[in-house]
C-alpha cells in the first residue's frame, strides 16, 4: 500500500500476523 500511494502518516500496530510493525517501519 505504501509503494502504491505513500501516505502522509502511518498508524501501525506492532503485532501483525506476518511480520511485526517494528520490521515494517
PDBML (XML) file of the C-alpha atoms, coordinates in Angstrom:
<?xml version="1.0" encoding="UTF-8" ?>
<PDBx:datablock datablockName="MODEL"
   xmlns:PDBx="http://pdbml.pdb.org/schema/pdbx-v50.xsd"
   xmlns:xsi="http://www.w3.org/2001/XMLSchema-instance"
   xsi:schemaLocation="http://pdbml.pdb.org/schema/pdbx-v50.xsd pdbx-v50.xsd">
   <PDBx:atom_siteCategory>
      <PDBx:atom_site id="1">
         <PDBx:B_iso_or_equiv>0.00</PDBx:B_iso_or_equiv>
         <PDBx:Cartn_x>0.000</PDBx:Cartn_x>
         <PDBx:Cartn_y>0.000</PDBx:Cartn_y>
         <PDBx:Cartn_z>0.000</PDBx:Cartn_z>
         <PDBx:auth_asym_id>A</PDBx:auth_asym_id>
         <PDBx:auth_atom_id>CA</PDBx:auth_atom_id>
         <PDBx:auth_comp_id>UNK</PDBx:auth_comp_id>
         <PDBx:auth_seq_id>1</PDBx:auth_seq_id>
         <PDBx:group_PDB>ATOM</PDBx:group_PDB>
         <PDBx:label_alt_id xsi:nil="true" />
         <PDBx:label_asym_id>A</PDBx:label_asym_id>
         <PDBx:label_atom_id>CA</PDBx:label_atom_id>
         <PDBx:label_comp_id>UNK</PDBx:label_comp_id>
         <PDBx:label_entity_id>1</PDBx:label_entity_id>
         <PDBx:label_seq_id>1</PDBx:label_seq_id>
         <PDBx:occupancy>1.00</PDBx:occupancy>
         <PDBx:pdbx_PDB_model_num>1</PDBx:pdbx_PDB_model_num>
         <PDBx:type_symbol>C</PDBx:type_symbol>
      </PDBx:atom_site>
      <PDBx:atom_site id="2">
         <PDBx:B_iso_or_equiv>0.00</PDBx:B_iso_or_equiv>
         <PDBx:Cartn_x>2.853</PDBx:Cartn_x>
         <PDBx:Cartn_y>2.370</PDBx:Cartn_y>
         <PDBx:Cartn_z>0.775</PDBx:Cartn_z>
         <PDBx:auth_asym_id>A</PDBx:auth_asym_id>
         <PDBx:auth_atom_id>CA</PDBx:auth_atom_id>
         <PDBx:auth_comp_id>UNK</PDBx:auth_comp_id>
         <PDBx:auth_seq_id>2</PDBx:auth_seq_id>
         <PDBx:group_PDB>ATOM</PDBx:group_PDB>
         <PDBx:label_alt_id xsi:nil="true" />
         <PDBx:label_asym_id>A</PDBx:label_asym_id>
         <PDBx:label_atom_id>CA</PDBx:label_atom_id>
         <PDBx:label_comp_id>UNK</PDBx:label_comp_id>
         <PDBx:label_entity_id>1</PDBx:label_entity_id>
         <PDBx:label_seq_id>2</PDBx:label_seq_id>
         <PDBx:occupancy>1.00</PDBx:occupancy>
         <PDBx:pdbx_PDB_model_num>1</PDBx:pdbx_PDB_model_num>
         <PDBx:type_symbol>C</PDBx:type_symbol>
      </PDBx:atom_site>
      <PDBx:atom_site id="3">
         <PDBx:B_iso_or_equiv>0.00</PDBx:B_iso_or_equiv>
         <PDBx:Cartn_x>4.529</PDBx:Cartn_x>
         <PDBx:Cartn_y>1.658</PDBx:Cartn_y>
         <PDBx:Cartn_z>-2.570</PDBx:Cartn_z>
         <PDBx:auth_asym_id>A</PDBx:auth_asym_id>
         <PDBx:auth_atom_id>CA</PDBx:auth_atom_id>
         <PDBx:auth_comp_id>UNK</PDBx:auth_comp_id>
         <PDBx:auth_seq_id>3</PDBx:auth_seq_id>
         <PDBx:group_PDB>ATOM</PDBx:group_PDB>
         <PDBx:label_alt_id xsi:nil="true" />
         <PDBx:label_asym_id>A</PDBx:label_asym_id>
         <PDBx:label_atom_id>CA</PDBx:label_atom_id>
         <PDBx:label_comp_id>UNK</PDBx:label_comp_id>
         <PDBx:label_entity_id>1</PDBx:label_entity_id>
         <PDBx:label_seq_id>3</PDBx:label_seq_id>
         <PDBx:occupancy>1.00</PDBx:occupancy>
         <PDBx:pdbx_PDB_model_num>1</PDBx:pdbx_PDB_model_num>
         <PDBx:type_symbol>C</PDBx:type_symbol>
      </PDBx:atom_site>
      <PDBx:atom_site id="4">
         <PDBx:B_iso_or_equiv>0.00</PDBx:B_iso_or_equiv>
         <PDBx:Cartn_x>1.259</PDBx:Cartn_x>
         <PDBx:Cartn_y>2.239</PDBx:Cartn_y>
         <PDBx:Cartn_z>-4.429</PDBx:Cartn_z>
         <PDBx:auth_asym_id>A</PDBx:auth_asym_id>
         <PDBx:auth_atom_id>CA</PDBx:auth_atom_id>
         <PDBx:auth_comp_id>UNK</PDBx:auth_comp_id>
         <PDBx:auth_seq_id>4</PDBx:auth_seq_id>
         <PDBx:group_PDB>ATOM</PDBx:group_PDB>
         <PDBx:label_alt_id xsi:nil="true" />
         <PDBx:label_asym_id>A</PDBx:label_asym_id>
         <PDBx:label_atom_id>CA</PDBx:label_atom_id>
         <PDBx:label_comp_id>UNK</PDBx:label_comp_id>
         <PDBx:label_entity_id>1</PDBx:label_entity_id>
         <PDBx:label_seq_id>4</PDBx:label_seq_id>
         <PDBx:occupancy>1.00</PDBx:occupancy>
         <PDBx:pdbx_PDB_model_num>1</PDBx:pdbx_PDB_model_num>
         <PDBx:type_symbol>C</PDBx:type_symbol>
      </PDBx:atom_site>
      <PDBx:atom_site id="5">
         <PDBx:B_iso_or_equiv>0.00</PDBx:B_iso_or_equiv>
         <PDBx:Cartn_x>0.494</PDBx:Cartn_x>
         <PDBx:Cartn_y>5.571</PDBx:Cartn_y>
         <PDBx:Cartn_z>-2.774</PDBx:Cartn_z>
         <PDBx:auth_asym_id>A</PDBx:auth_asym_id>
         <PDBx:auth_atom_id>CA</PDBx:auth_atom_id>
         <PDBx:auth_comp_id>UNK</PDBx:auth_comp_id>
         <PDBx:auth_seq_id>5</PDBx:auth_seq_id>
         <PDBx:group_PDB>ATOM</PDBx:group_PDB>
         <PDBx:label_alt_id xsi:nil="true" />
         <PDBx:label_asym_id>A</PDBx:label_asym_id>
         <PDBx:label_atom_id>CA</PDBx:label_atom_id>
         <PDBx:label_comp_id>UNK</PDBx:label_comp_id>
         <PDBx:label_entity_id>1</PDBx:label_entity_id>
         <PDBx:label_seq_id>5</PDBx:label_seq_id>
         <PDBx:occupancy>1.00</PDBx:occupancy>
         <PDBx:pdbx_PDB_model_num>1</PDBx:pdbx_PDB_model_num>
         <PDBx:type_symbol>C</PDBx:type_symbol>
      </PDBx:atom_site>
      <PDBx:atom_site id="6">
         <PDBx:B_iso_or_equiv>0.00</PDBx:B_iso_or_equiv>
         <PDBx:Cartn_x>2.734</PDBx:Cartn_x>
         <PDBx:Cartn_y>6.856</PDBx:Cartn_y>
         <PDBx:Cartn_z>0.030</PDBx:Cartn_z>
         <PDBx:auth_asym_id>A</PDBx:auth_asym_id>
         <PDBx:auth_atom_id>CA</PDBx:auth_atom_id>
         <PDBx:auth_comp_id>UNK</PDBx:auth_comp_id>
         <PDBx:auth_seq_id>6</PDBx:auth_seq_id>
         <PDBx:group_PDB>ATOM</PDBx:group_PDB>
         <PDBx:label_alt_id xsi:nil="true" />
         <PDBx:label_asym_id>A</PDBx:label_asym_id>
         <PDBx:label_atom_id>CA</PDBx:label_atom_id>
         <PDBx:label_comp_id>UNK</PDBx:label_comp_id>
         <PDBx:label_entity_id>1</PDBx:label_entity_id>
         <PDBx:label_seq_id>6</PDBx:label_seq_id>
         <PDBx:occupancy>1.00</PDBx:occupancy>
         <PDBx:pdbx_PDB_model_num>1</PDBx:pdbx_PDB_model_num>
         <PDBx:type_symbol>C</PDBx:type_symbol>
      </PDBx:atom_site>
      <PDBx:atom_site id="7">
         <PDBx:B_iso_or_equiv>0.00</PDBx:B_iso_or_equiv>
         <PDBx:Cartn_x>0.642</PDBx:Cartn_x>
         <PDBx:Cartn_y>8.260</PDBx:Cartn_y>
         <PDBx:Cartn_z>2.900</PDBx:Cartn_z>
         <PDBx:auth_asym_id>A</PDBx:auth_asym_id>
         <PDBx:auth_atom_id>CA</PDBx:auth_atom_id>
         <PDBx:auth_comp_id>UNK</PDBx:auth_comp_id>
         <PDBx:auth_seq_id>7</PDBx:auth_seq_id>
         <PDBx:group_PDB>ATOM</PDBx:group_PDB>
         <PDBx:label_alt_id xsi:nil="true" />
         <PDBx:label_asym_id>A</PDBx:label_asym_id>
         <PDBx:label_atom_id>CA</PDBx:label_atom_id>
         <PDBx:label_comp_id>UNK</PDBx:label_comp_id>
         <PDBx:label_entity_id>1</PDBx:label_entity_id>
         <PDBx:label_seq_id>7</PDBx:label_seq_id>
         <PDBx:occupancy>1.00</PDBx:occupancy>
         <PDBx:pdbx_PDB_model_num>1</PDBx:pdbx_PDB_model_num>
         <PDBx:type_symbol>C</PDBx:type_symbol>
      </PDBx:atom_site>
      <PDBx:atom_site id="8">
         <PDBx:B_iso_or_equiv>0.00</PDBx:B_iso_or_equiv>
         <PDBx:Cartn_x>1.302</PDBx:Cartn_x>
         <PDBx:Cartn_y>11.372</PDBx:Cartn_y>
         <PDBx:Cartn_z>4.946</PDBx:Cartn_z>
         <PDBx:auth_asym_id>A</PDBx:auth_asym_id>
         <PDBx:auth_atom_id>CA</PDBx:auth_atom_id>
         <PDBx:auth_comp_id>UNK</PDBx:auth_comp_id>
         <PDBx:auth_seq_id>8</PDBx:auth_seq_id>
         <PDBx:group_PDB>ATOM</PDBx:group_PDB>
         <PDBx:label_alt_id xsi:nil="true" />
         <PDBx:label_asym_id>A</PDBx:label_asym_id>
         <PDBx:label_atom_id>CA</PDBx:label_atom_id>
         <PDBx:label_comp_id>UNK</PDBx:label_comp_id>
         <PDBx:label_entity_id>1</PDBx:label_entity_id>
         <PDBx:label_seq_id>8</PDBx:label_seq_id>
         <PDBx:occupancy>1.00</PDBx:occupancy>
         <PDBx:pdbx_PDB_model_num>1</PDBx:pdbx_PDB_model_num>
         <PDBx:type_symbol>C</PDBx:type_symbol>
      </PDBx:atom_site>
      <PDBx:atom_site id="9">
         <PDBx:B_iso_or_equiv>0.00</PDBx:B_iso_or_equiv>
         <PDBx:Cartn_x>1.208</PDBx:Cartn_x>
         <PDBx:Cartn_y>9.368</PDBx:Cartn_y>
         <PDBx:Cartn_z>8.189</PDBx:Cartn_z>
         <PDBx:auth_asym_id>A</PDBx:auth_asym_id>
         <PDBx:auth_atom_id>CA</PDBx:auth_atom_id>
         <PDBx:auth_comp_id>UNK</PDBx:auth_comp_id>
         <PDBx:auth_seq_id>9</PDBx:auth_seq_id>
         <PDBx:group_PDB>ATOM</PDBx:group_PDB>
         <PDBx:label_alt_id xsi:nil="true" />
         <PDBx:label_asym_id>A</PDBx:label_asym_id>
         <PDBx:label_atom_id>CA</PDBx:label_atom_id>
         <PDBx:label_comp_id>UNK</PDBx:label_comp_id>
         <PDBx:label_entity_id>1</PDBx:label_entity_id>
         <PDBx:label_seq_id>9</PDBx:label_seq_id>
         <PDBx:occupancy>1.00</PDBx:occupancy>
         <PDBx:pdbx_PDB_model_num>1</PDBx:pdbx_PDB_model_num>
         <PDBx:type_symbol>C</PDBx:type_symbol>
      </PDBx:atom_site>
      <PDBx:atom_site id="10">
         <PDBx:B_iso_or_equiv>0.00</PDBx:B_iso_or_equiv>
         <PDBx:Cartn_x>1.337</PDBx:Cartn_x>
         <PDBx:Cartn_y>5.697</PDBx:Cartn_y>
         <PDBx:Cartn_z>9.184</PDBx:Cartn_z>
         <PDBx:auth_asym_id>A</PDBx:auth_asym_id>
         <PDBx:auth_atom_id>CA</PDBx:auth_atom_id>
         <PDBx:auth_comp_id>UNK</PDBx:auth_comp_id>
         <PDBx:auth_seq_id>10</PDBx:auth_seq_id>
         <PDBx:group_PDB>ATOM</PDBx:group_PDB>
         <PDBx:label_alt_id xsi:nil="true" />
         <PDBx:label_asym_id>A</PDBx:label_asym_id>
         <PDBx:label_atom_id>CA</PDBx:label_atom_id>
         <PDBx:label_comp_id>UNK</PDBx:label_comp_id>
         <PDBx:label_entity_id>1</PDBx:label_entity_id>
         <PDBx:label_seq_id>10</PDBx:label_seq_id>
         <PDBx:occupancy>1.00</PDBx:occupancy>
         <PDBx:pdbx_PDB_model_num>1</PDBx:pdbx_PDB_model_num>
         <PDBx:type_symbol>C</PDBx:type_symbol>
      </PDBx:atom_site>
      <PDBx:atom_site id="11">
         <PDBx:B_iso_or_equiv>0.00</PDBx:B_iso_or_equiv>
         <PDBx:Cartn_x>-0.718</PDBx:Cartn_x>
         <PDBx:Cartn_y>4.268</PDBx:Cartn_y>
         <PDBx:Cartn_z>12.071</PDBx:Cartn_z>
         <PDBx:auth_asym_id>A</PDBx:auth_asym_id>
         <PDBx:auth_atom_id>CA</PDBx:auth_atom_id>
         <PDBx:auth_comp_id>UNK</PDBx:auth_comp_id>
         <PDBx:auth_seq_id>11</PDBx:auth_seq_id>
         <PDBx:group_PDB>ATOM</PDBx:group_PDB>
         <PDBx:label_alt_id xsi:nil="true" />
         <PDBx:label_asym_id>A</PDBx:label_asym_id>
         <PDBx:label_atom_id>CA</PDBx:label_atom_id>
         <PDBx:label_comp_id>UNK</PDBx:label_comp_id>
         <PDBx:label_entity_id>1</PDBx:label_entity_id>
         <PDBx:label_seq_id>11</PDBx:label_seq_id>
         <PDBx:occupancy>1.00</PDBx:occupancy>
         <PDBx:pdbx_PDB_model_num>1</PDBx:pdbx_PDB_model_num>
         <PDBx:type_symbol>C</PDBx:type_symbol>
      </PDBx:atom_site>
      <PDBx:atom_site id="12">
         <PDBx:B_iso_or_equiv>0.00</PDBx:B_iso_or_equiv>
         <PDBx:Cartn_x>0.977</PDBx:Cartn_x>
         <PDBx:Cartn_y>0.928</PDBx:Cartn_y>
         <PDBx:Cartn_z>12.678</PDBx:Cartn_z>
         <PDBx:auth_asym_id>A</PDBx:auth_asym_id>
         <PDBx:auth_atom_id>CA</PDBx:auth_atom_id>
         <PDBx:auth_comp_id>UNK</PDBx:auth_comp_id>
         <PDBx:auth_seq_id>12</PDBx:auth_seq_id>
         <PDBx:group_PDB>ATOM</PDBx:group_PDB>
         <PDBx:label_alt_id xsi:nil="true" />
         <PDBx:label_asym_id>A</PDBx:label_asym_id>
         <PDBx:label_atom_id>CA</PDBx:label_atom_id>
         <PDBx:label_comp_id>UNK</PDBx:label_comp_id>
         <PDBx:label_entity_id>1</PDBx:label_entity_id>
         <PDBx:label_seq_id>12</PDBx:label_seq_id>
         <PDBx:occupancy>1.00</PDBx:occupancy>
         <PDBx:pdbx_PDB_model_num>1</PDBx:pdbx_PDB_model_num>
         <PDBx:type_symbol>C</PDBx:type_symbol>
      </PDBx:atom_site>
      <PDBx:atom_site id="13">
         <PDBx:B_iso_or_equiv>0.00</PDBx:B_iso_or_equiv>
         <PDBx:Cartn_x>0.076</PDBx:Cartn_x>
         <PDBx:Cartn_y>-1.923</PDBx:Cartn_y>
         <PDBx:Cartn_z>15.022</PDBx:Cartn_z>
         <PDBx:auth_asym_id>A</PDBx:auth_asym_id>
         <PDBx:auth_atom_id>CA</PDBx:auth_atom_id>
         <PDBx:auth_comp_id>UNK</PDBx:auth_comp_id>
         <PDBx:auth_seq_id>13</PDBx:auth_seq_id>
         <PDBx:group_PDB>ATOM</PDBx:group_PDB>
         <PDBx:label_alt_id xsi:nil="true" />
         <PDBx:label_asym_id>A</PDBx:label_asym_id>
         <PDBx:label_atom_id>CA</PDBx:label_atom_id>
         <PDBx:label_comp_id>UNK</PDBx:label_comp_id>
         <PDBx:label_entity_id>1</PDBx:label_entity_id>
         <PDBx:label_seq_id>13</PDBx:label_seq_id>
         <PDBx:occupancy>1.00</PDBx:occupancy>
         <PDBx:pdbx_PDB_model_num>1</PDBx:pdbx_PDB_model_num>
         <PDBx:type_symbol>C</PDBx:type_symbol>
      </PDBx:atom_site>
      <PDBx:atom_site id="14">
         <PDBx:B_iso_or_equiv>0.00</PDBx:B_iso_or_equiv>
         <PDBx:Cartn_x>3.137</PDBx:Cartn_x>
         <PDBx:Cartn_y>-3.656</PDBx:Cartn_y>
         <PDBx:Cartn_z>16.473</PDBx:Cartn_z>
         <PDBx:auth_asym_id>A</PDBx:auth_asym_id>
         <PDBx:auth_atom_id>CA</PDBx:auth_atom_id>
         <PDBx:auth_comp_id>UNK</PDBx:auth_comp_id>
         <PDBx:auth_seq_id>14</PDBx:auth_seq_id>
         <PDBx:group_PDB>ATOM</PDBx:group_PDB>
         <PDBx:label_alt_id xsi:nil="true" />
         <PDBx:label_asym_id>A</PDBx:label_asym_id>
         <PDBx:label_atom_id>CA</PDBx:label_atom_id>
         <PDBx:label_comp_id>UNK</PDBx:label_comp_id>
         <PDBx:label_entity_id>1</PDBx:label_entity_id>
         <PDBx:label_seq_id>14</PDBx:label_seq_id>
         <PDBx:occupancy>1.00</PDBx:occupancy>
         <PDBx:pdbx_PDB_model_num>1</PDBx:pdbx_PDB_model_num>
         <PDBx:type_symbol>C</PDBx:type_symbol>
      </PDBx:atom_site>
      <PDBx:atom_site id="15">
         <PDBx:B_iso_or_equiv>0.00</PDBx:B_iso_or_equiv>
         <PDBx:Cartn_x>1.711</PDBx:Cartn_x>
         <PDBx:Cartn_y>-7.204</PDBx:Cartn_y>
         <PDBx:Cartn_z>16.493</PDBx:Cartn_z>
         <PDBx:auth_asym_id>A</PDBx:auth_asym_id>
         <PDBx:auth_atom_id>CA</PDBx:auth_atom_id>
         <PDBx:auth_comp_id>UNK</PDBx:auth_comp_id>
         <PDBx:auth_seq_id>15</PDBx:auth_seq_id>
         <PDBx:group_PDB>ATOM</PDBx:group_PDB>
         <PDBx:label_alt_id xsi:nil="true" />
         <PDBx:label_asym_id>A</PDBx:label_asym_id>
         <PDBx:label_atom_id>CA</PDBx:label_atom_id>
         <PDBx:label_comp_id>UNK</PDBx:label_comp_id>
         <PDBx:label_entity_id>1</PDBx:label_entity_id>
         <PDBx:label_seq_id>15</PDBx:label_seq_id>
         <PDBx:occupancy>1.00</PDBx:occupancy>
         <PDBx:pdbx_PDB_model_num>1</PDBx:pdbx_PDB_model_num>
         <PDBx:type_symbol>C</PDBx:type_symbol>
      </PDBx:atom_site>
      <PDBx:atom_site id="16">
         <PDBx:B_iso_or_equiv>0.00</PDBx:B_iso_or_equiv>
         <PDBx:Cartn_x>0.910</PDBx:Cartn_x>
         <PDBx:Cartn_y>-8.313</PDBx:Cartn_y>
         <PDBx:Cartn_z>12.938</PDBx:Cartn_z>
         <PDBx:auth_asym_id>A</PDBx:auth_asym_id>
         <PDBx:auth_atom_id>CA</PDBx:auth_atom_id>
         <PDBx:auth_comp_id>UNK</PDBx:auth_comp_id>
         <PDBx:auth_seq_id>16</PDBx:auth_seq_id>
         <PDBx:group_PDB>ATOM</PDBx:group_PDB>
         <PDBx:label_alt_id xsi:nil="true" />
         <PDBx:label_asym_id>A</PDBx:label_asym_id>
         <PDBx:label_atom_id>CA</PDBx:label_atom_id>
         <PDBx:label_comp_id>UNK</PDBx:label_comp_id>
         <PDBx:label_entity_id>1</PDBx:label_entity_id>
         <PDBx:label_seq_id>16</PDBx:label_seq_id>
         <PDBx:occupancy>1.00</PDBx:occupancy>
         <PDBx:pdbx_PDB_model_num>1</PDBx:pdbx_PDB_model_num>
         <PDBx:type_symbol>C</PDBx:type_symbol>
      </PDBx:atom_site>
      <PDBx:atom_site id="17">
         <PDBx:B_iso_or_equiv>0.00</PDBx:B_iso_or_equiv>
         <PDBx:Cartn_x>0.343</PDBx:Cartn_x>
         <PDBx:Cartn_y>-11.837</PDBx:Cartn_y>
         <PDBx:Cartn_z>11.589</PDBx:Cartn_z>
         <PDBx:auth_asym_id>A</PDBx:auth_asym_id>
         <PDBx:auth_atom_id>CA</PDBx:auth_atom_id>
         <PDBx:auth_comp_id>UNK</PDBx:auth_comp_id>
         <PDBx:auth_seq_id>17</PDBx:auth_seq_id>
         <PDBx:group_PDB>ATOM</PDBx:group_PDB>
         <PDBx:label_alt_id xsi:nil="true" />
         <PDBx:label_asym_id>A</PDBx:label_asym_id>
         <PDBx:label_atom_id>CA</PDBx:label_atom_id>
         <PDBx:label_comp_id>UNK</PDBx:label_comp_id>
         <PDBx:label_entity_id>1</PDBx:label_entity_id>
         <PDBx:label_seq_id>17</PDBx:label_seq_id>
         <PDBx:occupancy>1.00</PDBx:occupancy>
         <PDBx:pdbx_PDB_model_num>1</PDBx:pdbx_PDB_model_num>
         <PDBx:type_symbol>C</PDBx:type_symbol>
      </PDBx:atom_site>
      <PDBx:atom_site id="18">
         <PDBx:B_iso_or_equiv>0.00</PDBx:B_iso_or_equiv>
         <PDBx:Cartn_x>3.138</PDBx:Cartn_x>
         <PDBx:Cartn_y>-11.937</PDBx:Cartn_y>
         <PDBx:Cartn_z>9.003</PDBx:Cartn_z>
         <PDBx:auth_asym_id>A</PDBx:auth_asym_id>
         <PDBx:auth_atom_id>CA</PDBx:auth_atom_id>
         <PDBx:auth_comp_id>UNK</PDBx:auth_comp_id>
         <PDBx:auth_seq_id>18</PDBx:auth_seq_id>
         <PDBx:group_PDB>ATOM</PDBx:group_PDB>
         <PDBx:label_alt_id xsi:nil="true" />
         <PDBx:label_asym_id>A</PDBx:label_asym_id>
         <PDBx:label_atom_id>CA</PDBx:label_atom_id>
         <PDBx:label_comp_id>UNK</PDBx:label_comp_id>
         <PDBx:label_entity_id>1</PDBx:label_entity_id>
         <PDBx:label_seq_id>18</PDBx:label_seq_id>
         <PDBx:occupancy>1.00</PDBx:occupancy>
         <PDBx:pdbx_PDB_model_num>1</PDBx:pdbx_PDB_model_num>
         <PDBx:type_symbol>C</PDBx:type_symbol>
      </PDBx:atom_site>
      <PDBx:atom_site id="19">
         <PDBx:B_iso_or_equiv>0.00</PDBx:B_iso_or_equiv>
         <PDBx:Cartn_x>5.767</PDBx:Cartn_x>
         <PDBx:Cartn_y>-9.538</PDBx:Cartn_y>
         <PDBx:Cartn_z>10.353</PDBx:Cartn_z>
         <PDBx:auth_asym_id>A</PDBx:auth_asym_id>
         <PDBx:auth_atom_id>CA</PDBx:auth_atom_id>
         <PDBx:auth_comp_id>UNK</PDBx:auth_comp_id>
         <PDBx:auth_seq_id>19</PDBx:auth_seq_id>
         <PDBx:group_PDB>ATOM</PDBx:group_PDB>
         <PDBx:label_alt_id xsi:nil="true" />
         <PDBx:label_asym_id>A</PDBx:label_asym_id>
         <PDBx:label_atom_id>CA</PDBx:label_atom_id>
         <PDBx:label_comp_id>UNK</PDBx:label_comp_id>
         <PDBx:label_entity_id>1</PDBx:label_entity_id>
         <PDBx:label_seq_id>19</PDBx:label_seq_id>
         <PDBx:occupancy>1.00</PDBx:occupancy>
         <PDBx:pdbx_PDB_model_num>1</PDBx:pdbx_PDB_model_num>
         <PDBx:type_symbol>C</PDBx:type_symbol>
      </PDBx:atom_site>
      <PDBx:atom_site id="20">
         <PDBx:B_iso_or_equiv>0.00</PDBx:B_iso_or_equiv>
         <PDBx:Cartn_x>5.877</PDBx:Cartn_x>
         <PDBx:Cartn_y>-7.171</PDBx:Cartn_y>
         <PDBx:Cartn_z>13.281</PDBx:Cartn_z>
         <PDBx:auth_asym_id>A</PDBx:auth_asym_id>
         <PDBx:auth_atom_id>CA</PDBx:auth_atom_id>
         <PDBx:auth_comp_id>UNK</PDBx:auth_comp_id>
         <PDBx:auth_seq_id>20</PDBx:auth_seq_id>
         <PDBx:group_PDB>ATOM</PDBx:group_PDB>
         <PDBx:label_alt_id xsi:nil="true" />
         <PDBx:label_asym_id>A</PDBx:label_asym_id>
         <PDBx:label_atom_id>CA</PDBx:label_atom_id>
         <PDBx:label_comp_id>UNK</PDBx:label_comp_id>
         <PDBx:label_entity_id>1</PDBx:label_entity_id>
         <PDBx:label_seq_id>20</PDBx:label_seq_id>
         <PDBx:occupancy>1.00</PDBx:occupancy>
         <PDBx:pdbx_PDB_model_num>1</PDBx:pdbx_PDB_model_num>
         <PDBx:type_symbol>C</PDBx:type_symbol>
      </PDBx:atom_site>
      <PDBx:atom_site id="21">
         <PDBx:B_iso_or_equiv>0.00</PDBx:B_iso_or_equiv>
         <PDBx:Cartn_x>5.354</PDBx:Cartn_x>
         <PDBx:Cartn_y>-3.447</PDBx:Cartn_y>
         <PDBx:Cartn_z>12.988</PDBx:Cartn_z>
         <PDBx:auth_asym_id>A</PDBx:auth_asym_id>
         <PDBx:auth_atom_id>CA</PDBx:auth_atom_id>
         <PDBx:auth_comp_id>UNK</PDBx:auth_comp_id>
         <PDBx:auth_seq_id>21</PDBx:auth_seq_id>
         <PDBx:group_PDB>ATOM</PDBx:group_PDB>
         <PDBx:label_alt_id xsi:nil="true" />
         <PDBx:label_asym_id>A</PDBx:label_asym_id>
         <PDBx:label_atom_id>CA</PDBx:label_atom_id>
         <PDBx:label_comp_id>UNK</PDBx:label_comp_id>
         <PDBx:label_entity_id>1</PDBx:label_entity_id>
         <PDBx:label_seq_id>21</PDBx:label_seq_id>
         <PDBx:occupancy>1.00</PDBx:occupancy>
         <PDBx:pdbx_PDB_model_num>1</PDBx:pdbx_PDB_model_num>
         <PDBx:type_symbol>C</PDBx:type_symbol>
      </PDBx:atom_site>
      <PDBx:atom_site id="22">
         <PDBx:B_iso_or_equiv>0.00</PDBx:B_iso_or_equiv>
         <PDBx:Cartn_x>8.951</PDBx:Cartn_x>
         <PDBx:Cartn_y>-2.735</PDBx:Cartn_y>
         <PDBx:Cartn_z>14.002</PDBx:Cartn_z>
         <PDBx:auth_asym_id>A</PDBx:auth_asym_id>
         <PDBx:auth_atom_id>CA</PDBx:auth_atom_id>
         <PDBx:auth_comp_id>UNK</PDBx:auth_comp_id>
         <PDBx:auth_seq_id>22</PDBx:auth_seq_id>
         <PDBx:group_PDB>ATOM</PDBx:group_PDB>
         <PDBx:label_alt_id xsi:nil="true" />
         <PDBx:label_asym_id>A</PDBx:label_asym_id>
         <PDBx:label_atom_id>CA</PDBx:label_atom_id>
         <PDBx:label_comp_id>UNK</PDBx:label_comp_id>
         <PDBx:label_entity_id>1</PDBx:label_entity_id>
         <PDBx:label_seq_id>22</PDBx:label_seq_id>
         <PDBx:occupancy>1.00</PDBx:occupancy>
         <PDBx:pdbx_PDB_model_num>1</PDBx:pdbx_PDB_model_num>
         <PDBx:type_symbol>C</PDBx:type_symbol>
      </PDBx:atom_site>
      <PDBx:atom_site id="23">
         <PDBx:B_iso_or_equiv>0.00</PDBx:B_iso_or_equiv>
         <PDBx:Cartn_x>10.187</PDBx:Cartn_x>
         <PDBx:Cartn_y>-4.590</PDBx:Cartn_y>
         <PDBx:Cartn_z>10.912</PDBx:Cartn_z>
         <PDBx:auth_asym_id>A</PDBx:auth_asym_id>
         <PDBx:auth_atom_id>CA</PDBx:auth_atom_id>
         <PDBx:auth_comp_id>UNK</PDBx:auth_comp_id>
         <PDBx:auth_seq_id>23</PDBx:auth_seq_id>
         <PDBx:group_PDB>ATOM</PDBx:group_PDB>
         <PDBx:label_alt_id xsi:nil="true" />
         <PDBx:label_asym_id>A</PDBx:label_asym_id>
         <PDBx:label_atom_id>CA</PDBx:label_atom_id>
         <PDBx:label_comp_id>UNK</PDBx:label_comp_id>
         <PDBx:label_entity_id>1</PDBx:label_entity_id>
         <PDBx:label_seq_id>23</PDBx:label_seq_id>
         <PDBx:occupancy>1.00</PDBx:occupancy>
         <PDBx:pdbx_PDB_model_num>1</PDBx:pdbx_PDB_model_num>
         <PDBx:type_symbol>C</PDBx:type_symbol>
      </PDBx:atom_site>
      <PDBx:atom_site id="24">
         <PDBx:B_iso_or_equiv>0.00</PDBx:B_iso_or_equiv>
         <PDBx:Cartn_x>7.712</PDBx:Cartn_x>
         <PDBx:Cartn_y>-2.792</PDBx:Cartn_y>
         <PDBx:Cartn_z>8.642</PDBx:Cartn_z>
         <PDBx:auth_asym_id>A</PDBx:auth_asym_id>
         <PDBx:auth_atom_id>CA</PDBx:auth_atom_id>
         <PDBx:auth_comp_id>UNK</PDBx:auth_comp_id>
         <PDBx:auth_seq_id>24</PDBx:auth_seq_id>
         <PDBx:group_PDB>ATOM</PDBx:group_PDB>
         <PDBx:label_alt_id xsi:nil="true" />
         <PDBx:label_asym_id>A</PDBx:label_asym_id>
         <PDBx:label_atom_id>CA</PDBx:label_atom_id>
         <PDBx:label_comp_id>UNK</PDBx:label_comp_id>
         <PDBx:label_entity_id>1</PDBx:label_entity_id>
         <PDBx:label_seq_id>24</PDBx:label_seq_id>
         <PDBx:occupancy>1.00</PDBx:occupancy>
         <PDBx:pdbx_PDB_model_num>1</PDBx:pdbx_PDB_model_num>
         <PDBx:type_symbol>C</PDBx:type_symbol>
      </PDBx:atom_site>
      <PDBx:atom_site id="25">
         <PDBx:B_iso_or_equiv>0.00</PDBx:B_iso_or_equiv>
         <PDBx:Cartn_x>8.881</PDBx:Cartn_x>
         <PDBx:Cartn_y>0.553</PDBx:Cartn_y>
         <PDBx:Cartn_z>9.997</PDBx:Cartn_z>
         <PDBx:auth_asym_id>A</PDBx:auth_asym_id>
         <PDBx:auth_atom_id>CA</PDBx:auth_atom_id>
         <PDBx:auth_comp_id>UNK</PDBx:auth_comp_id>
         <PDBx:auth_seq_id>25</PDBx:auth_seq_id>
         <PDBx:group_PDB>ATOM</PDBx:group_PDB>
         <PDBx:label_alt_id xsi:nil="true" />
         <PDBx:label_asym_id>A</PDBx:label_asym_id>
         <PDBx:label_atom_id>CA</PDBx:label_atom_id>
         <PDBx:label_comp_id>UNK</PDBx:label_comp_id>
         <PDBx:label_entity_id>1</PDBx:label_entity_id>
         <PDBx:label_seq_id>25</PDBx:label_seq_id>
         <PDBx:occupancy>1.00</PDBx:occupancy>
         <PDBx:pdbx_PDB_model_num>1</PDBx:pdbx_PDB_model_num>
         <PDBx:type_symbol>C</PDBx:type_symbol>
      </PDBx:atom_site>
   </PDBx:atom_siteCategory>
</PDBx:datablock>
